[in-house]
Protein backbone atom coordinates (compact mmCIF):
# COMPACT_ATOMS: atom_id res chain seq x y z
CA UNK A 1 136.07 152.71 234.54
CA UNK A 2 137.60 149.80 232.25
CA UNK A 3 134.34 148.05 232.09
CA UNK A 4 132.40 150.81 231.03
CA UNK A 5 135.25 151.24 228.20
CA UNK A 6 135.09 148.19 227.00
CA UNK A 7 131.09 148.13 227.10
CA UNK A 8 131.19 151.33 224.96
CA UNK A 9 133.38 149.68 222.35
CA UNK A 10 131.42 146.44 222.05
CA UNK A 11 128.44 149.19 221.25
CA UNK A 12 130.48 150.89 219.07
CA UNK A 13 131.49 147.75 216.92
CA UNK A 14 128.18 147.04 216.62
CA UNK A 15 126.96 150.44 215.66
CA UNK A 16 129.48 150.49 212.90
CA UNK A 17 128.78 147.34 211.74
CA UNK A 18 125.18 147.12 212.00
CA UNK A 19 123.98 145.37 208.74
CA UNK A 20 126.47 142.61 208.87
CA UNK A 21 126.04 142.31 212.53
CA UNK A 22 122.44 142.12 212.11
CA UNK A 23 122.91 139.58 209.14
CA UNK A 24 125.13 137.66 211.53
CA UNK A 25 122.66 137.46 214.48
CA UNK A 26 119.53 136.55 212.25
CA UNK A 27 121.85 133.49 211.14
CA UNK A 28 122.47 132.47 214.74
CA UNK A 29 119.03 132.71 215.62
CA UNK A 30 117.51 130.76 212.89
CA UNK A 31 120.20 127.82 214.00
CA UNK A 32 118.33 128.49 217.21
CA UNK A 33 114.61 128.12 215.56
CA UNK A 34 115.43 125.27 213.15
CA UNK A 35 115.46 122.30 215.81
CA UNK A 36 111.95 123.44 217.11
CA UNK A 37 110.55 124.11 213.38
CA UNK A 38 111.95 120.57 212.50
CA UNK A 39 110.66 118.97 215.80
CA UNK A 40 107.10 119.40 214.58
CA UNK A 41 107.90 117.00 211.73
CA UNK A 42 110.83 114.69 212.73
CA UNK A 43 109.63 114.59 216.48
CA UNK A 44 112.74 114.45 219.06
CA UNK A 45 115.31 114.02 216.03
CA UNK A 46 114.72 117.50 215.28
CA UNK A 47 115.80 118.78 218.56
CA UNK A 48 119.05 117.02 217.52
CA UNK A 49 119.79 120.08 215.58
CA UNK A 50 120.47 121.87 218.82
CA UNK A 51 124.16 120.29 219.20
CA UNK A 52 124.99 122.90 216.03
CA UNK A 53 124.11 125.82 218.35
CA UNK A 54 127.59 125.77 220.30
CA UNK A 55 129.02 125.71 216.87
CA UNK A 56 127.33 128.65 215.57
CA UNK A 57 127.88 130.32 218.71
CA UNK A 58 131.48 130.09 218.47
CA UNK A 59 131.02 131.72 214.88
CA UNK A 60 129.25 134.48 215.89
CA UNK A 61 132.39 135.30 218.50
CA UNK A 62 134.77 134.83 215.60
CA UNK A 63 132.05 137.04 213.15
CA UNK A 64 132.39 140.08 215.49
CA UNK A 65 136.18 140.04 216.02
CA UNK A 66 137.05 143.55 216.64
CA UNK A 67 140.55 143.12 214.92
CA UNK A 68 138.77 142.49 211.69
CA UNK A 69 136.48 145.15 211.11
CA UNK A 70 137.64 145.47 207.45
CA UNK A 71 138.21 142.20 206.24
CA UNK A 72 135.06 140.71 207.67
CA UNK A 73 134.89 136.88 207.48
CA UNK A 74 132.56 135.77 204.26
CA UNK A 75 130.36 133.11 203.74
CA UNK A 76 133.21 130.38 202.83
CA UNK A 77 135.09 131.31 205.78
CA UNK A 78 132.09 131.32 208.24
CA UNK A 79 131.08 128.02 207.32
CA UNK A 80 134.86 126.97 207.74
CA UNK A 81 134.92 128.20 211.31
CA UNK A 82 131.68 126.64 212.03
CA UNK A 83 132.75 123.11 211.08
CA UNK A 84 136.05 123.92 212.99
CA UNK A 85 134.53 125.23 216.05
CA UNK A 86 131.56 122.69 216.51
CA UNK A 87 133.10 120.00 218.51
CA UNK A 88 135.13 122.49 220.65
CA UNK A 89 131.75 124.52 221.08
CA UNK A 90 130.01 121.51 221.99
CA UNK A 91 132.52 120.52 224.60
CA UNK A 92 132.63 123.88 225.98
CA UNK A 93 128.79 124.03 226.64
CA UNK A 94 128.86 120.39 227.87
CA UNK A 95 131.31 121.66 230.70
CA UNK A 96 129.67 124.98 231.19
CA UNK A 97 125.96 124.84 230.80
CA UNK A 98 125.15 122.11 233.32
CA UNK A 99 127.10 124.24 235.88
CA UNK A 100 124.94 127.59 234.87
CA UNK A 101 121.69 125.12 234.91
CA UNK A 102 122.68 123.63 238.57
CA UNK A 103 123.27 127.22 240.05
CA UNK A 104 119.95 128.79 238.27
CA UNK A 105 117.84 126.23 239.60
CA UNK A 106 119.54 126.59 243.02
CA UNK A 107 118.97 130.39 242.90
CA UNK A 108 115.45 129.77 241.64
CA UNK A 109 114.13 127.12 243.99
CA UNK A 110 115.81 128.68 247.42
CA UNK A 111 115.26 132.12 246.91
CA UNK A 112 112.08 132.23 247.80
CA UNK A 113 112.19 129.46 250.35
CA UNK A 114 112.72 129.29 254.21
CA UNK A 115 114.87 126.19 253.94
CA UNK A 116 118.46 126.72 255.69
CA UNK A 117 120.22 126.71 252.19
CA UNK A 118 118.82 129.79 250.91
CA UNK A 119 121.56 131.32 252.75
CA UNK A 120 123.66 130.34 250.30
CA UNK A 121 121.83 131.93 247.48
CA UNK A 122 124.13 135.23 247.50
CA UNK A 123 126.99 132.99 246.72
CA UNK A 124 125.36 130.84 244.24
CA UNK A 125 124.75 134.18 242.60
CA UNK A 126 128.01 135.15 242.35
CA UNK A 127 128.98 131.83 241.14
CA UNK A 128 126.32 132.01 238.36
CA UNK A 129 127.48 134.99 237.11
CA UNK A 130 131.27 133.68 237.14
CA UNK A 131 129.95 130.39 235.34
CA UNK A 132 128.34 132.78 232.58
CA UNK A 133 131.40 134.80 232.33
CA UNK A 134 133.91 131.64 231.88
CA UNK A 135 131.35 130.29 229.59
CA UNK A 136 131.06 133.26 226.88
CA UNK A 137 135.03 134.08 227.50
CA UNK A 138 135.58 130.46 226.32
CA UNK A 139 133.48 130.39 223.46
CA UNK A 140 135.12 133.84 222.64
CA UNK A 141 138.76 131.99 222.71
CA UNK A 142 137.33 129.16 220.82
CA UNK A 143 136.03 131.64 218.00
CA UNK A 144 139.01 133.81 218.27
CA UNK A 145 141.92 131.66 218.65
CA UNK A 146 140.38 128.12 217.62
CA UNK A 147 141.35 126.83 221.11
CA UNK A 148 140.09 123.56 222.45
CA UNK A 149 137.14 123.30 224.93
CA UNK A 150 139.34 122.12 228.02
CA UNK A 151 142.07 124.67 227.08
CA UNK A 152 139.54 127.67 226.57
CA UNK A 153 137.63 127.06 229.80
CA UNK A 154 140.75 126.98 231.81
CA UNK A 155 142.15 130.27 230.33
CA UNK A 156 138.15 132.02 230.33
CA UNK A 157 138.86 130.87 234.41
CA UNK A 158 142.15 132.59 234.78
CA UNK A 159 140.98 136.04 232.70
CA UNK A 160 137.32 136.46 234.16
CA UNK A 161 138.95 135.33 237.90
CA UNK A 162 141.57 138.13 237.50
CA UNK A 163 139.13 140.76 236.77
CA UNK A 164 136.11 139.46 238.51
CA UNK A 165 134.29 143.02 239.52
CA UNK A 166 134.85 144.24 235.65
CA UNK A 167 133.63 140.84 234.36
CA UNK A 168 130.47 140.68 236.38
CA UNK A 169 129.93 144.74 235.71
CA UNK A 170 129.77 143.93 231.91
CA UNK A 171 127.42 140.78 232.75
CA UNK A 172 125.33 142.64 234.58
CA UNK A 173 124.83 145.45 232.20
CA UNK A 174 124.83 143.17 229.24
CA UNK A 175 121.79 141.39 231.21
CA UNK A 176 119.89 144.82 231.80
CA UNK A 177 120.75 145.30 227.76
CA UNK A 178 119.29 141.92 226.81
CA UNK A 179 116.19 142.41 229.53
CA UNK A 180 115.18 145.71 227.48
CA UNK A 181 116.02 144.37 224.28
CA UNK A 182 113.74 141.38 224.67
CA UNK A 183 110.93 143.95 225.87
CA UNK A 184 111.18 145.61 222.54
CA UNK A 185 111.73 142.34 220.75
CA UNK A 186 113.57 143.86 217.37
CA UNK A 187 116.63 144.87 219.15
CA UNK A 188 117.00 141.36 220.49
CA UNK A 189 116.40 139.93 217.17
CA UNK A 190 119.05 141.87 215.41
CA UNK A 191 121.50 143.20 217.36
CA UNK A 192 121.81 142.06 220.92
CA UNK A 193 123.49 138.51 220.58
CA UNK A 194 126.06 140.54 218.48
CA UNK A 195 126.70 143.15 220.91
CA UNK A 196 127.26 140.86 223.44
CA UNK A 197 129.71 138.59 221.38
CA UNK A 198 131.59 141.57 220.85
CA UNK A 199 131.68 143.14 223.88
CA UNK A 200 133.12 139.69 225.26
CA UNK A 201 135.66 139.83 222.30
CA UNK A 202 136.67 142.93 223.65
CA UNK A 203 136.90 141.71 227.23
CA UNK A 204 138.97 138.96 226.07
CA UNK A 205 141.60 140.59 224.09
CA UNK A 206 142.09 143.12 226.52
CA UNK A 207 142.67 140.64 229.52
CA UNK A 208 145.25 138.91 227.02
CA UNK A 209 147.04 142.13 226.39
CA UNK A 210 146.13 142.25 222.59
CA UNK A 211 146.01 145.68 221.40
CA UNK A 212 143.20 146.10 218.77
CA UNK A 213 144.19 149.02 216.05
CA UNK A 214 140.96 151.44 215.12
CA UNK A 215 141.23 151.84 211.10
CA UNK A 216 139.99 155.18 211.79
CA UNK A 217 142.29 156.51 213.79
CA UNK A 218 145.02 158.50 212.29
CA UNK A 219 148.68 157.10 212.11
CA UNK A 220 151.38 158.81 213.84
CA UNK A 221 152.73 160.50 210.48
CA UNK A 222 149.54 161.84 209.66
CA UNK A 223 148.93 163.27 213.33
CA UNK A 224 152.35 164.73 213.00
CA UNK A 225 151.26 166.26 209.53
CA UNK A 226 148.11 167.63 211.04
CA UNK A 227 150.21 169.30 214.16
CA UNK A 228 152.42 170.84 211.63
CA UNK A 229 149.44 172.53 209.66
CA UNK A 230 148.29 174.13 213.17
CA UNK A 231 151.43 175.26 213.80
CA UNK A 232 151.46 176.87 210.34
CA UNK A 233 148.53 178.56 210.49
CA UNK A 234 149.31 180.12 214.13
């Protein structure tokens, strides 16, 4: 299935670039942890640094771009990508996170209740997955193509809506991997966020019809030479 192929490619990207992906992931976690650490000193002002998290997330998508397996972005380019994506990343988060939080709250609150609204839990679950898929795809579009927030969200909605089963399957499997990584701690800290961004990058590029050339694959001329050598041996 196409979804499994995209997941396999995302995992292969993570395996082949384990060290740079791990460094980028640790940097992303540092941005996540810094507001909490500074809150102990600066109070609620420290939590304002959480506003940098969406920009760091878009930068992680840019760093795990599968089209740049050789010329991976350096520190200066990542800093530029962070500054460029900070505002659109915040806007994407402002649009998508409240929807995800509201749907998650509805599922958690009415999931075990006897309220008449509990019949809507399956629908909310589907919408929750859809909202998460749209959010991740929007961040990918922001990081890969420097799109604005509204353009990224609209395009992400079209991309995920045109292949809902594929996007849902990818999210479910990535959710299972995230849960397993959380239990083992180390994978979650080192590679899981980068694996998620690499896989979603693959999904977005695939839906856009953009072919990612594998630099390890031989060229047509090389394949022709190999076939000629085999024929000569026979």
